[in-house]
């Protein structure tokens, strides 16, 4: 599954993840004892994450 990550610094990323659990990710983003978060194969500063969500993939014929 692909997810899109938008940061407060203005960058946007697409990355593949095995599974997407919004509740788990929300807990990590709001946990002040965590400094970085691994999403797919990318590492983000917890405080820089603005948005994370699944991307709807459109099949082309």
C-alpha atoms as a PDB file:
ATOM      1  CA  UNK A   1       0.000   0.000   0.000  1.00  0.00           C
ATOM      2  CA  UNK A   2       1.215   3.506  -0.778  1.00  0.00           C
ATOM      3  CA  UNK A   3       0.933   6.371   1.680  1.00  0.00           C
ATOM      4  CA  UNK A   4       1.498  10.076   1.203  1.00  0.00           C
ATOM      5  CA  UNK A   5       3.373  12.031   3.849  1.00  0.00           C
ATOM      6  CA  UNK A   6       3.260  15.821   3.988  1.00  0.00           C
ATOM      7  CA  UNK A   7       5.638  17.674   6.301  1.00  0.00           C
ATOM      8  CA  UNK A   8       5.448  21.053   8.011  1.00  0.00           C
ATOM      9  CA  UNK A   9       8.653  21.930   6.140  1.00  0.00           C
ATOM     10  CA  UNK A  10       6.654  21.746   2.892  1.00  0.00           C
ATOM     11  CA  UNK A  11       7.840  18.428   1.451  1.00  0.00           C
ATOM     12  CA  UNK A  12       5.629  15.635   0.147  1.00  0.00           C
ATOM     13  CA  UNK A  13       6.636  11.980  -0.059  1.00  0.00           C
ATOM     14  CA  UNK A  14       5.089   8.772  -1.365  1.00  0.00           C
ATOM     15  CA  UNK A  15       6.257   5.526   0.188  1.00  0.00           C
ATOM     16  CA  UNK A  16       5.193   1.884   0.299  1.00  0.00           C
ATOM     17  CA  UNK A  17       4.180   0.359   3.626  1.00  0.00           C
ATOM     18  CA  UNK A  18       3.226  -3.215   4.483  1.00  0.00           C
ATOM     19  CA  UNK A  19       0.186  -2.014   6.423  1.00  0.00           C
ATOM     20  CA  UNK A  20      -1.301   1.313   7.461  1.00  0.00           C
ATOM     21  CA  UNK A  21      -2.671   1.726  10.993  1.00  0.00           C
ATOM     22  CA  UNK A  22      -3.828   5.317  11.472  1.00  0.00           C
ATOM     23  CA  UNK A  23      -4.427   4.861  15.209  1.00  0.00           C
ATOM     24  CA  UNK A  24      -0.931   3.481  15.860  1.00  0.00           C
ATOM     25  CA  UNK A  25       0.694   6.207  13.787  1.00  0.00           C
ATOM     26  CA  UNK A  26      -1.362   8.881  15.554  1.00  0.00           C
ATOM     27  CA  UNK A  27      -0.173   7.605  18.946  1.00  0.00           C
ATOM     28  CA  UNK A  28       3.457   7.747  17.787  1.00  0.00           C
ATOM     29  CA  UNK A  29       3.097  11.260  16.353  1.00  0.00           C
ATOM     30  CA  UNK A  30       1.600  12.505  19.622  1.00  0.00           C
ATOM     31  CA  UNK A  31       4.081  10.697  21.905  1.00  0.00           C
ATOM     32  CA  UNK A  32       6.568  13.339  23.063  1.00  0.00           C
ATOM     33  CA  UNK A  33       9.120  10.688  24.057  1.00  0.00           C
ATOM     34  CA  UNK A  34       9.534   9.685  20.374  1.00  0.00           C
ATOM     35  CA  UNK A  35      11.964  11.692  18.243  1.00  0.00           C
ATOM     36  CA  UNK A  36      11.741   9.994  14.839  1.00  0.00           C
ATOM     37  CA  UNK A  37       9.154   7.819  13.102  1.00  0.00           C
ATOM     38  CA  UNK A  38       9.851   5.245  10.404  1.00  0.00           C
ATOM     39  CA  UNK A  39       7.191   5.175   7.696  1.00  0.00           C
ATOM     40  CA  UNK A  40       7.966   2.655   4.976  1.00  0.00           C
ATOM     41  CA  UNK A  41      11.641   3.136   4.180  1.00  0.00           C
ATOM     42  CA  UNK A  42      11.752   6.805   5.221  1.00  0.00           C
ATOM     43  CA  UNK A  43      12.583   8.353   8.591  1.00  0.00           C
ATOM     44  CA  UNK A  44      10.787  11.529   9.694  1.00  0.00           C
ATOM     45  CA  UNK A  45      11.116  13.866  12.630  1.00  0.00           C
ATOM     46  CA  UNK A  46       7.945  13.321  14.656  1.00  0.00           C
ATOM     47  CA  UNK A  47       7.284  17.064  14.941  1.00  0.00           C
ATOM     48  CA  UNK A  48       7.681  17.630  11.172  1.00  0.00           C
ATOM     49  CA  UNK A  49       4.867  15.257  10.163  1.00  0.00           C
ATOM     50  CA  UNK A  50       1.783  17.199   9.066  1.00  0.00           C
ATOM     51  CA  UNK A  51      -0.266  14.536   7.226  1.00  0.00           C
ATOM     52  CA  UNK A  52      -0.064  10.809   6.527  1.00  0.00           C
ATOM     53  CA  UNK A  53      -2.721   8.985   4.540  1.00  0.00           C
ATOM     54  CA  UNK A  54      -3.284   6.178   2.060  1.00  0.00           C
ATOM     55  CA  UNK A  55      -3.094   6.928  -1.635  1.00  0.00           C
ATOM     56  CA  UNK A  56      -5.783   5.560  -3.889  1.00  0.00           C
ATOM     57  CA  UNK A  57      -4.007   3.888  -6.772  1.00  0.00           C
ATOM     58  CA  UNK A  58      -5.733   4.154 -10.129  1.00  0.00           C
ATOM     59  CA  UNK A  59      -5.236   1.238 -12.505  1.00  0.00           C
ATOM     60  CA  UNK A  60      -4.459   2.286 -16.039  1.00  0.00           C
ATOM     61  CA  UNK A  61      -5.590   0.168 -18.943  1.00  0.00           C
END
